[in-house]
C-alpha cells in the first residue's frame, strides 16, 4: 500500500484493509472486485491485483513456508523481501529504500551503495536490531535528511557528514487534469 504513496495516506488505507481482510485467507476468499473497490483512490491498481494474488498464495502456503524467499509473491522484489525479513523475522539485513540510500550516500559520500552495504553489513548491524536500525534510518531520511531541503543545520550527524547532496530536478506533473486523474475517474466509473 505504501509503495508510491505517502505514509499518512497509506496508513488510512492499511487500517481499512486490515479491518476488512485481517489475514490472507479472508482476502483470498473475497473477490478482486472487492479488493479493487477498497483500493479505490490509491492509484496503481496493479498493486491491488498483486496483493490479491499474493493472498491466494499465502492462504495456501503461509509466510513461514515461503521464508526466506518472499520474492515468489507477485510484486515482491528485493526491497520488500528484505523489509519482511527485517521487520517480521528480525533477520540481520539492511532494508534499502530511498531514505536509507539517501542517508548512506550523503553521510558517507558514496555513489556505489550496493557494494558499501554488502561490505559493511556486519559492522552496521553489529549489536543492534536490524528492525530498529532500518526504521530509524528510514525515519531520519524522511524527517531530517530529506530529498528536498534537508535539515543539515539541525542534524546531529552534520559535523561528520560528507554532505554528498546531489540535486536532481524532476518535473512534477500536477494531479489535477492529469492522465492519472482521468484514469482514476475512469476506473471508479467502471
Protein backbone atom coordinates (compact mmCIF):
# COMPACT_ATOMS: atom_id res chain seq x y z
CA UNK A 1 0.00 0.00 0.00
CA UNK A 2 2.80 2.42 0.82
CA UNK A 3 4.61 1.90 -2.48
CA UNK A 4 4.44 5.21 -4.38
CA UNK A 5 2.09 6.55 -1.67
CA UNK A 6 2.74 8.91 1.23
CA UNK A 7 2.75 7.07 4.55
CA UNK A 8 -0.01 9.08 6.24
CA UNK A 9 -2.32 8.34 3.30
CA UNK A 10 -1.21 4.70 3.11
CA UNK A 11 -1.92 4.28 6.83
CA UNK A 12 -5.59 5.17 6.34
CA UNK A 13 -5.94 2.50 3.63
CA UNK A 14 -3.89 -0.02 5.63
CA UNK A 15 -6.34 0.26 8.52
CA UNK A 16 -9.30 -0.23 6.16
CA UNK A 17 -7.65 -3.28 4.57
CA UNK A 18 -6.73 -4.90 7.89
CA UNK A 19 -10.28 -4.43 9.16
CA UNK A 20 -11.82 -5.92 6.00
CA UNK A 21 -9.11 -8.54 5.39
CA UNK A 22 -7.43 -9.43 8.72
CA UNK A 23 -5.49 -12.30 7.11
CA UNK A 24 -4.58 -13.65 3.66
CA UNK A 25 -7.36 -16.26 3.81
CA UNK A 26 -10.05 -13.59 4.18
CA UNK A 27 -8.78 -11.68 1.16
CA UNK A 28 -8.27 -14.83 -0.91
CA UNK A 29 -11.87 -15.88 -0.30
CA UNK A 30 -13.08 -12.44 -1.39
CA UNK A 31 -13.01 -11.17 -4.98
CA UNK A 32 -10.61 -8.99 -6.91
CA UNK A 33 -13.51 -6.60 -7.49
CA UNK A 34 -13.93 -6.10 -3.71
CA UNK A 35 -10.20 -5.57 -3.26
CA UNK A 36 -10.13 -3.02 -6.10
CA UNK A 37 -13.17 -1.23 -4.66
CA UNK A 38 -11.46 -0.86 -1.28
CA UNK A 39 -8.25 0.19 -3.09
CA UNK A 40 -10.08 2.96 -4.98
CA UNK A 41 -8.25 6.27 -4.69
CA UNK A 42 -4.76 4.80 -4.18
CA UNK A 43 -3.90 4.50 -7.86
CA UNK A 44 -1.59 1.97 -9.49
CA UNK A 45 -4.29 -0.70 -9.31
CA UNK A 46 -1.86 -3.41 -10.38
CA UNK A 47 -0.60 -3.26 -6.76
CA UNK A 48 -4.06 -4.29 -5.54
CA UNK A 49 -4.15 -7.11 -8.06
CA UNK A 50 -0.73 -8.36 -6.91
CA UNK A 51 -1.83 -8.10 -3.28
CA UNK A 52 -4.89 -10.19 -4.08
CA UNK A 53 -2.81 -12.76 -5.99
CA UNK A 54 -0.36 -12.90 -3.08
CA UNK A 55 -3.22 -13.54 -0.65
CA UNK A 56 -4.18 -16.60 -2.70
CA UNK A 57 -0.62 -17.98 -2.48
CA UNK A 58 -0.27 -17.16 1.23
CA UNK A 59 -3.62 -18.69 2.12
CA UNK A 60 -2.35 -21.98 0.68
CA UNK A 61 1.26 -21.93 1.85
CA UNK A 62 1.66 -19.38 4.67
CA UNK A 63 4.54 -16.99 5.30
CA UNK A 64 6.77 -19.49 7.07
CA UNK A 65 6.69 -21.87 4.11
CA UNK A 66 7.99 -19.10 1.83
CA UNK A 67 10.67 -17.92 4.28
CA UNK A 68 13.22 -16.54 3.43
CA UNK A 69 12.31 -16.02 -0.24
CA UNK A 70 9.17 -13.92 -0.42
CA UNK A 71 10.10 -12.77 -3.93
CA UNK A 72 7.93 -15.62 -5.24
CA UNK A 73 4.94 -13.44 -4.34
CA UNK A 74 3.69 -11.17 -7.14
CA UNK A 75 5.19 -7.69 -6.84
CA UNK A 76 7.70 -8.58 -4.12
CA UNK A 77 11.25 -7.60 -5.04
CA UNK A 78 14.49 -7.26 -3.08
CA UNK A 79 13.32 -4.27 -1.00
CA UNK A 80 10.05 -5.82 0.17
CA UNK A 81 11.75 -9.17 0.74
CA UNK A 82 14.41 -7.57 2.95
CA UNK A 83 11.77 -5.49 4.76
CA UNK A 84 9.80 -8.64 5.62
CA UNK A 85 12.99 -10.38 6.76
CA UNK A 86 14.00 -7.42 8.96
CA UNK A 87 10.65 -6.30 10.36
CA UNK A 88 8.81 -9.61 10.67
CA UNK A 89 11.65 -12.12 11.16
CA UNK A 90 14.34 -9.96 12.84
CA UNK A 91 16.93 -11.02 10.25
CA UNK A 92 20.14 -9.00 10.13
CA UNK A 93 19.60 -7.22 6.80
CA UNK A 94 19.74 -3.62 5.64
CA UNK A 95 16.42 -2.71 4.08
CA UNK A 96 17.29 -0.38 1.24
CA UNK A 97 14.61 2.14 0.46
CA UNK A 98 15.06 5.65 -0.95
CA UNK A 99 15.56 7.14 2.52
CA UNK A 100 18.18 4.58 3.59
CA UNK A 101 20.06 5.01 0.31
CA UNK A 102 19.95 8.81 0.63
CA UNK A 103 21.24 8.83 4.23
CA UNK A 104 24.10 6.42 3.49
CA UNK A 105 25.09 8.12 0.23
CA UNK A 106 25.10 11.60 1.78
CA UNK A 107 26.73 10.70 5.08
CA UNK A 108 29.47 8.50 3.65
CA UNK A 109 29.81 10.39 0.35
CA UNK A 110 29.06 7.29 -1.71
CA UNK A 111 27.98 6.54 -5.23
CA UNK A 112 28.13 2.71 -5.09
CA UNK A 113 25.80 1.86 -2.22
CA UNK A 114 25.32 -1.81 -3.04
CA UNK A 115 28.99 -2.69 -2.57
CA UNK A 116 29.26 -0.47 0.51
CA UNK A 117 26.27 -2.09 2.21
CA UNK A 118 27.35 -5.62 1.25
CA UNK A 119 30.90 -4.98 2.51
CA UNK A 120 29.81 -3.30 5.77
CA UNK A 121 26.56 -5.08 6.63
CA UNK A 122 28.08 -6.95 9.58
CA UNK A 123 29.60 -3.79 11.02
CA UNK A 124 26.43 -1.73 10.50
CA UNK A 125 24.27 -4.36 12.18
CA UNK A 126 26.71 -5.26 14.96
CA UNK A 127 24.97 -5.20 18.36
CA UNK A 128 21.82 -3.56 17.03
CA UNK A 129 18.42 -4.84 15.94
CA UNK A 130 18.12 -4.57 12.16
CA UNK A 131 14.47 -3.68 12.63
CA UNK A 132 15.37 -0.72 14.87
CA UNK A 133 18.25 0.41 12.66
CA UNK A 134 16.25 0.20 9.44
CA UNK A 135 13.27 2.03 10.94
CA UNK A 136 15.49 4.72 12.46
CA UNK A 137 17.33 5.38 9.19
CA UNK A 138 14.08 5.42 7.20
CA UNK A 139 12.55 7.89 9.65
CA UNK A 140 15.72 10.01 9.76
CA UNK A 141 15.78 10.14 5.96
CA UNK A 142 12.15 11.18 5.71
CA UNK A 143 12.24 13.79 8.51
CA UNK A 144 15.80 15.21 8.61
CA UNK A 145 17.88 14.06 5.65
CA UNK A 146 15.01 14.81 3.27
CA UNK A 147 15.37 14.61 -0.50
CA UNK A 148 14.45 18.27 -0.79
CA UNK A 149 15.59 20.87 1.72
CA UNK A 150 17.47 18.58 4.12
CA UNK A 151 17.74 19.94 7.66
CA UNK A 152 21.55 19.90 7.76
CA UNK A 153 21.78 22.82 10.22
CA UNK A 154 19.88 20.86 12.90
CA UNK A 155 21.21 17.39 12.03
CA UNK A 156 23.09 15.56 14.80
CA UNK A 157 25.35 13.98 12.17
CA UNK A 158 26.16 17.24 10.38
CA UNK A 159 29.76 17.60 11.64
CA UNK A 160 30.87 14.21 10.33
CA UNK A 161 28.64 14.08 7.22
CA UNK A 162 30.21 14.16 3.75
CA UNK A 163 27.13 16.07 2.53
CA UNK A 164 27.06 14.24 -0.75
CA UNK A 165 23.88 16.04 -1.82
CA UNK A 166 23.00 15.56 -5.44
CA UNK A 167 20.35 17.91 -6.71
CA UNK A 168 18.03 16.11 -9.08
CA UNK A 169 15.40 18.14 -10.85
CA UNK A 170 12.35 16.06 -11.57
CA UNK A 171 9.43 17.68 -13.27
CA UNK A 172 6.30 17.19 -11.19
CA UNK A 173 3.12 16.68 -13.11
CA UNK A 174 0.13 18.22 -11.37
CA UNK A 175 -2.50 15.64 -10.44
CA UNK A 176 -5.43 17.88 -11.30
CA UNK A 177 -6.16 17.47 -15.01
CA UNK A 178 -3.50 14.77 -15.46
CA UNK A 179 -3.87 11.43 -17.19
CA UNK A 180 -3.56 9.84 -13.71
CA UNK A 181 -6.66 11.74 -12.55
CA UNK A 182 -8.51 10.73 -15.71
CA UNK A 183 -7.52 7.04 -15.30
CA UNK A 184 -8.68 7.13 -11.66
CA UNK A 185 -12.04 8.63 -12.60
CA UNK A 186 -12.47 6.09 -15.40
CA UNK A 187 -11.65 3.16 -13.12
CA UNK A 188 -14.03 4.47 -10.46
CA UNK A 189 -16.75 4.73 -13.09
CA UNK A 190 -16.08 1.21 -14.33
